[in-house]
Amino acid sequence: MLVLVVVFWVFQNAFFLYYITHFMAQLFHGYEETYPYMLMYAYRSKARFNEENFPVLQMFIQQKTFKTICFAIDKNKLVEIDDEYEGIVRMGQKHAIKREG
């Protein structure tokens, strides 16, 4: 009976270990997939927040008129963006290519 209990205990722990590893892999995959777009998402959410709040504020306070600004990326920033974290595999490939070339 003790052997049967130990065998089931080992199978249960192996089962949980497999699914915890699977969960962590999905978590890291989701993070690596969305991280390069986080800066864009932050700007988009700020713009939506302003779009929703300015009409409400207009009811209470007279808002100043403003001009919109179009952002452009500096060429030096492209180098910094190229060095951003893109995931374990892509960063390893980038560093391998830099070492070879």
PDB file of N, CA and C in Angstrom:
ATOM      1  N   MET A   1       0.819  -1.196   0.000  1.00  0.00           N
ATOM      2  CA  MET A   1       0.000   0.000   0.000  1.00  0.00           C
ATOM      3  C   MET A   1       0.868   1.268   0.000  1.00  0.00           C
ATOM      4  N   LEU A   2       1.951   1.208   0.763  1.00  0.00           N
ATOM      5  CA  LEU A   2       2.849   2.357   0.818  1.00  0.00           C
ATOM      6  C   LEU A   2       3.481   2.632  -0.546  1.00  0.00           C
ATOM      7  N   VAL A   3       3.823   1.582  -1.274  1.00  0.00           N
ATOM      8  CA  VAL A   3       4.408   1.743  -2.609  1.00  0.00           C
ATOM      9  C   VAL A   3       3.395   2.398  -3.546  1.00  0.00           C
ATOM     10  N   LEU A   4       2.140   2.002  -3.468  1.00  0.00           N
ATOM     11  CA  LEU A   4       1.096   2.582  -4.299  1.00  0.00           C
ATOM     12  C   LEU A   4       0.903   4.070  -3.992  1.00  0.00           C
ATOM     13  N   VAL A   5       0.918   4.421  -2.730  1.00  0.00           N
ATOM     14  CA  VAL A   5       0.778   5.826  -2.334  1.00  0.00           C
ATOM     15  C   VAL A   5       1.967   6.639  -2.844  1.00  0.00           C
ATOM     16  N   VAL A   6       3.153   6.100  -2.709  1.00  0.00           N
ATOM     17  CA  VAL A   6       4.351   6.812  -3.173  1.00  0.00           C
ATOM     18  C   VAL A   6       4.318   6.975  -4.691  1.00  0.00           C
ATOM     19  N   VAL A   7       3.890   5.962  -5.419  1.00  0.00           N
ATOM     20  CA  VAL A   7       3.810   6.046  -6.880  1.00  0.00           C
ATOM     21  C   VAL A   7       2.805   7.125  -7.289  1.00  0.00           C
ATOM     22  N   PHE A   8       1.635   7.149  -6.659  1.00  0.00           N
ATOM     23  CA  PHE A   8       0.653   8.192  -6.972  1.00  0.00           C
ATOM     24  C   PHE A   8       1.164   9.579  -6.597  1.00  0.00           C
ATOM     25  N   TRP A   9       1.896   9.669  -5.500  1.00  0.00           N
ATOM     26  CA  TRP A   9       2.464  10.955  -5.086  1.00  0.00           C
ATOM     27  C   TRP A   9       3.469  11.457  -6.131  1.00  0.00           C
ATOM     28  N   VAL A  10       4.289  10.554  -6.653  1.00  0.00           N
ATOM     29  CA  VAL A  10       5.273  10.926  -7.677  1.00  0.00           C
ATOM     30  C   VAL A  10       4.562  11.357  -8.957  1.00  0.00           C
ATOM     31  N   PHE A  11       3.527  10.599  -9.366  1.00  0.00           N
ATOM     32  CA  PHE A  11       2.780  10.983 -10.562  1.00  0.00           C
ATOM     33  C   PHE A  11       2.086  12.332 -10.392  1.00  0.00           C
ATOM     34  N   GLN A  12       1.544  12.574  -9.217  1.00  0.00           N
ATOM     35  CA  GLN A  12       0.874  13.854  -8.963  1.00  0.00           C
ATOM     36  C   GLN A  12       1.868  15.009  -9.034  1.00  0.00           C
ATOM     37  N   ASN A  13       3.018  14.848  -8.434  1.00  0.00           N
ATOM     38  CA  ASN A  13       4.028  15.906  -8.478  1.00  0.00           C
ATOM     39  C   ASN A  13       4.553  16.120  -9.892  1.00  0.00           C
ATOM     40  N   ALA A  14       4.718  15.044 -10.645  1.00  0.00           N
ATOM     41  CA  ALA A  14       5.157  15.188 -12.041  1.00  0.00           C
ATOM     42  C   ALA A  14       4.092  15.906 -12.860  1.00  0.00           C
ATOM     43  N   PHE A  15       2.832  15.584 -12.618  1.00  0.00           N
ATOM     44  CA  PHE A  15       1.711  16.238 -13.306  1.00  0.00           C
ATOM     45  C   PHE A  15       1.701  17.742 -13.016  1.00  0.00           C
ATOM     46  N   PHE A  16       1.819  18.115 -11.735  1.00  0.00           N
ATOM     47  CA  PHE A  16       1.826  19.525 -11.371  1.00  0.00           C
ATOM     48  C   PHE A  16       3.058  20.238 -11.911  1.00  0.00           C
ATOM     49  N   LEU A  17       4.190  19.584 -11.888  1.00  0.00           N
ATOM     50  CA  LEU A  17       5.410  20.188 -12.415  1.00  0.00           C
ATOM     51  C   LEU A  17       5.274  20.470 -13.905  1.00  0.00           C
ATOM     52  N   TYR A  18       4.691  19.530 -14.651  1.00  0.00           N
ATOM     53  CA  TYR A  18       4.484  19.729 -16.078  1.00  0.00           C
ATOM     54  C   TYR A  18       3.581  20.930 -16.330  1.00  0.00           C
ATOM     55  N   TYR A  19       2.454  21.027 -15.623  1.00  0.00           N
ATOM     56  CA  TYR A  19       1.525  22.120 -15.878  1.00  0.00           C
ATOM     57  C   TYR A  19       2.019  23.463 -15.355  1.00  0.00           C
ATOM     58  N   ILE A  20       2.807  23.458 -14.305  1.00  0.00           N
ATOM     59  CA  ILE A  20       3.412  24.718 -13.847  1.00  0.00           C
ATOM     60  C   ILE A  20       4.427  25.201 -14.884  1.00  0.00           C
ATOM     61  N   THR A  21       5.217  24.275 -15.447  1.00  0.00           N
ATOM     62  CA  THR A  21       6.173  24.641 -16.490  1.00  0.00           C
ATOM     63  C   THR A  21       5.448  25.152 -17.734  1.00  0.00           C
ATOM     64  N   HIS A  22       4.364  24.495 -18.089  1.00  0.00           N
ATOM     65  CA  HIS A  22       3.566  24.925 -19.238  1.00  0.00           C
ATOM     66  C   HIS A  22       2.979  26.322 -19.007  1.00  0.00           C
ATOM     67  N   PHE A  23       2.469  26.570 -17.808  1.00  0.00           N
ATOM     68  CA  PHE A  23       1.929  27.883 -17.471  1.00  0.00           C
ATOM     69  C   PHE A  23       3.003  28.968 -17.541  1.00  0.00           C
ATOM     70  N   MET A  24       4.183  28.691 -16.998  1.00  0.00           N
ATOM     71  CA  MET A  24       5.269  29.672 -17.030  1.00  0.00           C
ATOM     72  C   MET A  24       5.713  29.940 -18.468  1.00  0.00           C
ATOM     73  N   ALA A  25       5.724  28.919 -19.307  1.00  0.00           N
ATOM     74  CA  ALA A  25       6.095  29.117 -20.712  1.00  0.00           C
ATOM     75  C   ALA A  25       5.080  30.015 -21.409  1.00  0.00           C
ATOM     76  N   GLN A  26       3.783  29.809 -21.138  1.00  0.00           N
ATOM     77  CA  GLN A  26       2.765  30.674 -21.735  1.00  0.00           C
ATOM     78  C   GLN A  26       2.885  32.098 -21.218  1.00  0.00           C
ATOM     79  N   LEU A  27       3.183  32.246 -19.950  1.00  0.00           N
ATOM     80  CA  LEU A  27       3.339  33.573 -19.361  1.00  0.00           C
ATOM     81  C   LEU A  27       4.503  34.324 -20.001  1.00  0.00           C
ATOM     82  N   PHE A  28       5.655  33.671 -20.115  1.00  0.00           N
ATOM     83  CA  PHE A  28       6.817  34.316 -20.730  1.00  0.00           C
ATOM     84  C   PHE A  28       6.588  34.596 -22.212  1.00  0.00           C
ATOM     85  N   HIS A  29       5.919  33.694 -22.897  1.00  0.00           N
ATOM     86  CA  HIS A  29       5.623  33.900 -24.314  1.00  0.00           C
ATOM     87  C   HIS A  29       4.722  35.124 -24.499  1.00  0.00           C
ATOM     88  N   GLY A  30       3.700  35.244 -23.670  1.00  0.00           N
ATOM     89  CA  GLY A  30       2.816  36.408 -23.758  1.00  0.00           C
ATOM     90  C   GLY A  30       3.556  37.699 -23.465  1.00  0.00           C
ATOM     91  N   TYR A  31       4.455  37.677 -22.483  1.00  0.00           N
ATOM     92  CA  TYR A  31       5.237  38.861 -22.147  1.00  0.00           C
ATOM     93  C   TYR A  31       6.150  39.253 -23.306  1.00  0.00           C
ATOM     94  N   GLU A  32       6.845  38.279 -23.867  1.00  0.00           N
ATOM     95  CA  GLU A  32       7.764  38.576 -24.963  1.00  0.00           C
ATOM     96  C   GLU A  32       7.024  39.022 -26.218  1.00  0.00           C
ATOM     97  N   GLU A  33       5.790  38.591 -26.375  1.00  0.00           N
ATOM     98  CA  GLU A  33       5.014  38.978 -27.544  1.00  0.00           C
ATOM     99  C   GLU A  33       4.516  40.419 -27.436  1.00  0.00           C
ATOM    100  N   THR A  34       4.150  40.857 -26.239  1.00  0.00           N
ATOM    101  CA  THR A  34       3.571  42.192 -26.084  1.00  0.00           C
ATOM    102  C   THR A  34       4.577  43.263 -25.679  1.00  0.00           C
ATOM    103  N   TYR A  35       5.738  42.900 -25.151  1.00  0.00           N
ATOM    104  CA  TYR A  35       6.677  43.900 -24.647  1.00  0.00           C
ATOM    105  C   TYR A  35       7.141  44.905 -25.711  1.00  0.00           C
ATOM    106  N   PRO A  36       7.443  44.491 -26.943  1.00  0.00           N
ATOM    107  CA  PRO A  36       7.887  45.492 -27.926  1.00  0.00           C
ATOM    108  C   PRO A  36       6.826  46.549 -28.240  1.00  0.00           C
ATOM    109  N   TYR A  37       5.562  46.260 -27.977  1.00  0.00           N
ATOM    110  CA  TYR A  37       4.485  47.194 -28.291  1.00  0.00           C
ATOM    111  C   TYR A  37       4.031  48.019 -27.084  1.00  0.00           C
ATOM    112  N   MET A  38       4.672  47.848 -25.929  1.00  0.00           N
ATOM    113  CA  MET A  38       4.192  48.513 -24.713  1.00  0.00           C
ATOM    114  C   MET A  38       4.279  50.032 -24.806  1.00  0.00           C
ATOM    115  N   LEU A  39       5.301  50.580 -25.430  1.00  0.00           N
ATOM    116  CA  LEU A  39       5.425  52.027 -25.580  1.00  0.00           C
ATOM    117  C   LEU A  39       4.280  52.576 -26.427  1.00  0.00           C
ATOM    118  N   MET A  40       3.955  51.877 -27.515  1.00  0.00           N
ATOM    119  CA  MET A  40       2.844  52.289 -28.362  1.00  0.00           C
ATOM    120  C   MET A  40       1.521  52.198 -27.595  1.00  0.00           C
ATOM    121  N   TYR A  41       1.330  51.130 -26.821  1.00  0.00           N
ATOM    122  CA  TYR A  41       0.101  50.985 -26.038  1.00  0.00           C
ATOM    123  C   TYR A  41      -0.028  52.091 -24.992  1.00  0.00           C
ATOM    124  N   ALA A  42       1.092  52.500 -24.406  1.00  0.00           N
ATOM    125  CA  ALA A  42       1.049  53.574 -23.406  1.00  0.00           C
ATOM    126  C   ALA A  42       0.604  54.885 -24.050  1.00  0.00           C
ATOM    127  N   TYR A  43       1.161  55.226 -25.208  1.00  0.00           N
ATOM    128  CA  TYR A  43       0.743  56.446 -25.899  1.00  0.00           C
ATOM    129  C   TYR A  43      -0.723  56.368 -26.329  1.00  0.00           C
ATOM    130  N   ARG A  44      -1.147  55.202 -26.777  1.00  0.00           N
ATOM    131  CA  ARG A  44      -2.531  55.036 -27.210  1.00  0.00           C
ATOM    132  C   ARG A  44      -3.498  55.191 -26.033  1.00  0.00           C
ATOM    133  N   SER A  45      -3.144  54.627 -24.891  1.00  0.00           N
ATOM    134  CA  SER A  45      -4.033  54.741 -23.732  1.00  0.00           C
ATOM    135  C   SER A  45      -4.085  56.178 -23.215  1.00  0.00           C
ATOM    136  N   LYS A  46      -2.962  56.894 -23.277  1.00  0.00           N
ATOM    137  CA  LYS A  46      -2.975  58.304 -22.879  1.00  0.00           C
ATOM    138  C   LYS A  46      -3.848  59.123 -23.813  1.00  0.00           C
ATOM    139  N   ALA A  47      -3.780  58.838 -25.096  1.00  0.00           N
ATOM    140  CA  ALA A  47      -4.600  59.569 -26.062  1.00  0.00           C
ATOM    141  C   ALA A  47      -6.087  59.277 -25.837  1.00  0.00           C
ATOM    142  N   ARG A  48      -6.430  58.032 -25.574  1.00  0.00           N
ATOM    143  CA  ARG A  48      -7.828  57.695 -25.304  1.00  0.00           C
ATOM    144  C   ARG A  48      -8.311  58.331 -24.006  1.00  0.00           C
ATOM    145  N   PHE A  49      -7.440  58.367 -23.008  1.00  0.00           N
ATOM    146  CA  PHE A  49      -7.791  59.003 -21.740  1.00  0.00           C
ATOM    147  C   PHE A  49      -8.088  60.481 -21.955  1.00  0.00           C
ATOM    148  N   ASN A  50      -7.255  61.165 -22.724  1.00  0.00           N
ATOM    149  CA  ASN A  50      -7.489  62.574 -23.018  1.00  0.00           C
ATOM    150  C   ASN A  50      -8.769  62.761 -23.826  1.00  0.00           C
ATOM    151  N   GLU A  51      -8.995  61.878 -24.784  1.00  0.00           N
ATOM    152  CA  GLU A  51     -10.182  61.975 -25.631  1.00  0.00           C
ATOM    153  C   GLU A  51     -11.465  61.826 -24.809  1.00  0.00           C
ATOM    154  N   GLU A  52     -11.422  60.990 -23.776  1.00  0.00           N
ATOM    155  CA  GLU A  52     -12.595  60.800 -22.930  1.00  0.00           C
ATOM    156  C   GLU A  52     -12.756  61.923 -21.909  1.00  0.00           C
ATOM    157  N   ASN A  53     -11.655  62.478 -21.428  1.00  0.00           N
ATOM    158  CA  ASN A  53     -11.739  63.434 -20.317  1.00  0.00           C
ATOM    159  C   ASN A  53     -11.913  64.880 -20.744  1.00  0.00           C
ATOM    160  N   PHE A  54     -11.426  65.261 -21.904  1.00  0.00           N
ATOM    161  CA  PHE A  54     -11.550  66.655 -22.302  1.00  0.00           C
ATOM    162  C   PHE A  54     -13.000  67.105 -22.460  1.00  0.00           C
ATOM    163  N   PRO A  55     -13.915  66.330 -23.032  1.00  0.00           N
ATOM    164  CA  PRO A  55     -15.309  66.792 -23.079  1.00  0.00           C
ATOM    165  C   PRO A  55     -15.930  66.968 -21.691  1.00  0.00           C
ATOM    166  N   VAL A  56     -15.553  66.105 -20.755  1.00  0.00           N
ATOM    167  CA  VAL A  56     -16.079  66.233 -19.392  1.00  0.00           C
ATOM    168  C   VAL A  56     -15.516  67.496 -18.728  1.00  0.00           C
ATOM    169  N   LEU A  57     -14.222  67.703 -18.884  1.00  0.00           N
ATOM    170  CA  LEU A  57     -13.610  68.907 -18.315  1.00  0.00           C
ATOM    171  C   LEU A  57     -14.158  70.177 -18.961  1.00  0.00           C
ATOM    172  N   GLN A  58     -14.504  70.084 -20.227  1.00  0.00           N
ATOM    173  CA  GLN A  58     -15.043  71.242 -20.949  1.00  0.00           C
ATOM    174  C   GLN A  58     -16.350  71.718 -20.318  1.00  0.00           C
ATOM    175  N   MET A  59     -17.112  70.804 -19.729  1.00  0.00           N
ATOM    176  CA  MET A  59     -18.364  71.186 -19.083  1.00  0.00           C
ATOM    177  C   MET A  59     -18.119  72.031 -17.842  1.00  0.00           C
ATOM    178  N   PHE A  60     -17.014  71.838 -17.161  1.00  0.00           N
ATOM    179  CA  PHE A  60     -16.740  72.519 -15.905  1.00  0.00           C
ATOM    180  C   PHE A  60     -15.760  73.683 -16.046  1.00  0.00           C
ATOM    181  N   ILE A  61     -14.769  73.515 -16.903  1.00  0.00           N
ATOM    182  CA  ILE A  61     -13.714  74.516 -17.056  1.00  0.00           C
ATOM    183  C   ILE A  61     -13.517  74.781 -18.542  1.00  0.00           C
ATOM    184  N   GLN A  62     -13.396  76.048 -18.900  1.00  0.00           N
ATOM    185  CA  GLN A  62     -13.107  76.388 -20.293  1.00  0.00           C
ATOM    186  C   GLN A  62     -11.678  75.956 -20.607  1.00  0.00           C
ATOM    187  N   GLN A  63     -11.532  75.045 -21.546  1.00  0.00           N
ATOM    188  CA  GLN A  63     -10.216  74.513 -21.896  1.00  0.00           C
ATOM    189  C   GLN A  63      -9.531  75.427 -22.907  1.00  0.00           C
ATOM    190  N   LYS A  64      -8.232  75.495 -22.801  1.00  0.00           N
ATOM    191  CA  LYS A  64      -7.452  76.253 -23.772  1.00  0.00           C
ATOM    192  C   LYS A  64      -7.386  75.463 -25.073  1.00  0.00           C
ATOM    193  N   THR A  65      -7.347  76.183 -26.169  1.00  0.00           N
ATOM    194  CA  THR A  65      -7.175  75.500 -27.444  1.00  0.00           C
ATOM    195  C   THR A  65      -5.720  75.041 -27.564  1.00  0.00           C
ATOM    196  N   PHE A  66      -5.522  73.968 -28.246  1.00  0.00           N
ATOM    197  CA  PHE A  66      -4.167  73.446 -28.394  1.00  0.00           C
ATOM    198  C   PHE A  66      -3.999  72.852 -29.778  1.00  0.00           C
ATOM    199  N   LYS A  67      -2.761  72.756 -30.159  1.00  0.00           N
ATOM    200  CA  LYS A  67      -2.429  72.174 -31.455  1.00  0.00           C
ATOM    201  C   LYS A  67      -1.925  70.759 -31.233  1.00  0.00           C
ATOM    202  N   THR A  68      -2.158  69.923 -32.204  1.00  0.00           N
ATOM    203  CA  THR A  68      -1.624  68.568 -32.100  1.00  0.00           C
ATOM    204  C   THR A  68      -0.199  68.533 -32.614  1.00  0.00           C
ATOM    205  N   ILE A  69       0.545  67.625 -32.090  1.00  0.00           N
ATOM    206  CA  ILE A  69       1.952  67.483 -32.471  1.00  0.00           C
ATOM    207  C   ILE A  69       2.142  66.107 -33.075  1.00  0.00           C
ATOM    208  N   CYS A  70       2.825  66.069 -34.197  1.00  0.00           N
ATOM    209  CA  CYS A  70       3.148  64.798 -34.832  1.00  0.00           C
ATOM    210  C   CYS A  70       4.556  64.412 -34.397  1.00  0.00           C
ATOM    211  N   PHE A  71       4.687  63.239 -33.827  1.00  0.00           N
ATOM    212  CA  PHE A  71       5.983  62.792 -33.338  1.00  0.00           C
ATOM    213  C   PHE A  71       6.732  62.042 -34.436  1.00  0.00           C
ATOM    214  N   ALA A  72       8.025  62.276 -34.484  1.00  0.00           N
ATOM    215  CA  ALA A  72       8.903  61.546 -35.386  1.00  0.00           C
ATOM    216  C   ALA A  72      10.027  60.950 -34.542  1.00  0.00           C
ATOM    217  N   ILE A  73      10.558  59.857 -34.994  1.00  0.00           N
ATOM    218  CA  ILE A  73      11.609  59.187 -34.244  1.00  0.00           C
ATOM    219  C   ILE A  73      12.970  59.655 -34.744  1.00  0.00           C
ATOM    220  N   ASP A  74      13.802  60.043 -33.819  1.00  0.00           N
ATOM    221  CA  ASP A  74      15.165  60.435 -34.128  1.00  0.00           C
ATOM    222  C   ASP A  74      15.949  59.200 -34.577  1.00  0.00           C
ATOM    223  N   LYS A  75      16.894  59.393 -35.476  1.00  0.00           N
ATOM    224  CA  LYS A  75      17.672  58.259 -35.970  1.00  0.00           C
ATOM    225  C   LYS A  75      18.490  57.619 -34.856  1.00  0.00           C
ATOM    226  N   ASN A  76      18.926  58.409 -33.886  1.00  0.00           N
ATOM    227  CA  ASN A  76      19.663  57.839 -32.757  1.00  0.00           C
ATOM    228  C   ASN A  76      18.756  56.956 -31.904  1.00  0.00           C
ATOM    229  N   LYS A  77      17.477  57.289 -31.845  1.00  0.00           N
ATOM    230  CA  LYS A  77      16.527  56.484 -31.075  1.00  0.00           C
ATOM    231  C   LYS A  77      16.337  55.115 -31.713  1.00  0.00           C
ATOM    232  N   LEU A  78      16.472  55.039 -33.040  1.00  0.00           N
ATOM    233  CA  LEU A  78      16.316  53.747 -33.704  1.00  0.00           C
ATOM    234  C   LEU A  78      17.363  52.756 -33.218  1.00  0.00           C
ATOM    235  N   VAL A  79      18.553  53.246 -32.906  1.00  0.00           N
ATOM    236  CA  VAL A  79      19.599  52.377 -32.378  1.00  0.00           C
ATOM    237  C   VAL A  79      19.196  51.878 -30.999  1.00  0.00           C
ATOM    238  N   GLU A  80      18.628  52.785 -30.178  1.00  0.00           N
ATOM    239  CA  GLU A  80      18.186  52.382 -28.849  1.00  0.00           C
ATOM    240  C   GLU A  80      17.030  51.395 -28.937  1.00  0.00           C
ATOM    241  N   ILE A  81      16.118  51.614 -29.873  1.00  0.00           N
ATOM    242  CA  ILE A  81      14.998  50.693 -30.045  1.00  0.00           C
ATOM    243  C   ILE A  81      15.513  49.331 -30.499  1.00  0.00           C
ATOM    244  N   ASP A  82      16.562  49.331 -31.329  1.00  0.00           N
ATOM    245  CA  ASP A  82      17.140  48.078 -31.797  1.00  0.00           C
ATOM    246  C   ASP A  82      17.746  47.294 -30.635  1.00  0.00           C
ATOM    247  N   ASP A  83      18.217  47.994 -29.604  1.00  0.00           N
ATOM    248  CA  ASP A  83      18.823  47.332 -28.454  1.00  0.00           C
ATOM    249  C   ASP A  83      17.806  46.942 -27.385  1.00  0.00           C
ATOM    250  N   GLU A  84      16.515  47.235 -27.586  1.00  0.00           N
ATOM    251  CA  GLU A  84      15.511  46.894 -26.587  1.00  0.00           C
ATOM    252  C   GLU A  84      15.332  45.388 -26.490  1.00  0.00           C
ATOM    253  N   TYR A  85      14.813  44.984 -25.363  1.00  0.00           N
ATOM    254  CA  TYR A  85      14.564  43.565 -25.101  1.00  0.00           C
ATOM    255  C   TYR A  85      13.408  43.074 -25.959  1.00  0.00           C
ATOM    256  N   GLU A  86      13.629  42.008 -26.694  1.00  0.00           N
ATOM    257  CA  GLU A  86      12.592  41.447 -27.563  1.00  0.00           C
ATOM    258  C   GLU A  86      12.328  39.989 -27.260  1.00  0.00           C
ATOM    259  N   GLY A  87      12.848  39.501 -26.201  1.00  0.00           N
ATOM    260  CA  GLY A  87      12.674  38.093 -25.874  1.00  0.00           C
ATOM    261  C   GLY A  87      14.017  37.394 -25.849  1.00  0.00           C
ATOM    262  N   ILE A  88      14.037  36.281 -25.207  1.00  0.00           N
ATOM    263  CA  ILE A  88      15.288  35.562 -24.995  1.00  0.00           C
ATOM    264  C   ILE A  88      15.890  35.092 -26.318  1.00  0.00           C
ATOM    265  N   VAL A  89      15.075  34.502 -27.167  1.00  0.00           N
ATOM    266  CA  VAL A  89      15.603  33.936 -28.415  1.00  0.00           C
ATOM    267  C   VAL A  89      16.073  35.035 -29.355  1.00  0.00           C
ATOM    268  N   ARG A  90      15.258  36.082 -29.549  1.00  0.00           N
ATOM    269  CA  ARG A  90      15.648  37.153 -30.485  1.00  0.00           C
ATOM    270  C   ARG A  90      16.873  37.908 -29.990  1.00  0.00           C
ATOM    271  N   MET A  91      16.952  38.155 -28.687  1.00  0.00           N
ATOM    272  CA  MET A  91      18.128  38.863 -28.174  1.00  0.00           C
ATOM    273  C   MET A  91      19.382  38.003 -28.344  1.00  0.00           C
ATOM    274  N   GLY A  92      19.258  36.704 -28.130  1.00  0.00           N
ATOM    275  CA  GLY A  92      20.399  35.819 -28.347  1.00  0.00           C
ATOM    276  C   GLY A  92      20.839  35.823 -29.795  1.00  0.00           C
ATOM    277  N   GLN A  93      19.883  35.825 -30.713  1.00  0.00           N
ATOM    278  CA  GLN A  93      20.222  35.878 -32.131  1.00  0.00           C
ATOM    279  C   GLN A  93      20.888  37.192 -32.492  1.00  0.00           C
ATOM    280  N   LYS A  94      20.375  38.308 -31.946  1.00  0.00           N
ATOM    281  CA  LYS A  94      20.994  39.615 -32.234  1.00  0.00           C
ATOM    282  C   LYS A  94      22.438  39.657 -31.764  1.00  0.00           C
ATOM    283  N   HIS A  95      22.677  39.187 -30.543  1.00  0.00           N
ATOM    284  CA  HIS A  95      24.040  39.230 -30.009  1.00  0.00           C
ATOM    285  C   HIS A  95      24.967  38.286 -30.780  1.00  0.00           C
ATOM    286  N   ALA A  96      24.441  37.154 -31.245  1.00  0.00           N
ATOM    287  CA  ALA A  96      25.254  36.235 -32.028  1.00  0.00           C
ATOM    288  C   ALA A  96      25.631  36.863 -33.362  1.00  0.00           C
ATOM    289  N   ILE A  97      24.695  37.558 -33.990  1.00  0.00           N
ATOM    290  CA  ILE A  97      24.969  38.216 -35.265  1.00  0.00           C
ATOM    291  C   ILE A  97      25.989  39.341 -35.069  1.00  0.00           C
ATOM    292  N   LYS A  98      25.865  40.108 -33.973  1.00  0.00           N
ATOM    293  CA  LYS A  98      26.821  41.188 -33.713  1.00  0.00           C
ATOM    294  C   LYS A  98      28.224  40.643 -33.468  1.00  0.00           C
ATOM    295  N   ARG A  99      28.324  39.511 -32.776  1.00  0.00           N
ATOM    296  CA  ARG A  99      29.629  38.917 -32.510  1.00  0.00           C
ATOM    297  C   ARG A  99      30.278  38.402 -33.793  1.00  0.00           C
ATOM    298  N   GLU A 100      29.484  37.827 -34.675  1.00  0.00           N
ATOM    299  CA  GLU A 100      30.031  37.284 -35.930  1.00  0.00           C
ATOM    300  C   GLU A 100      30.440  38.393 -36.908  1.00  0.00           C
ATOM    301  N   GLY A 101      29.618  39.456 -36.925  1.00  0.00           N
ATOM    302  CA  GLY A 101      29.848  40.490 -37.935  1.00  0.00           C
ATOM    303  C   GLY A 101      30.572  41.597 -37.403  1.00  0.00           C
TER     304      GLY A 101
END
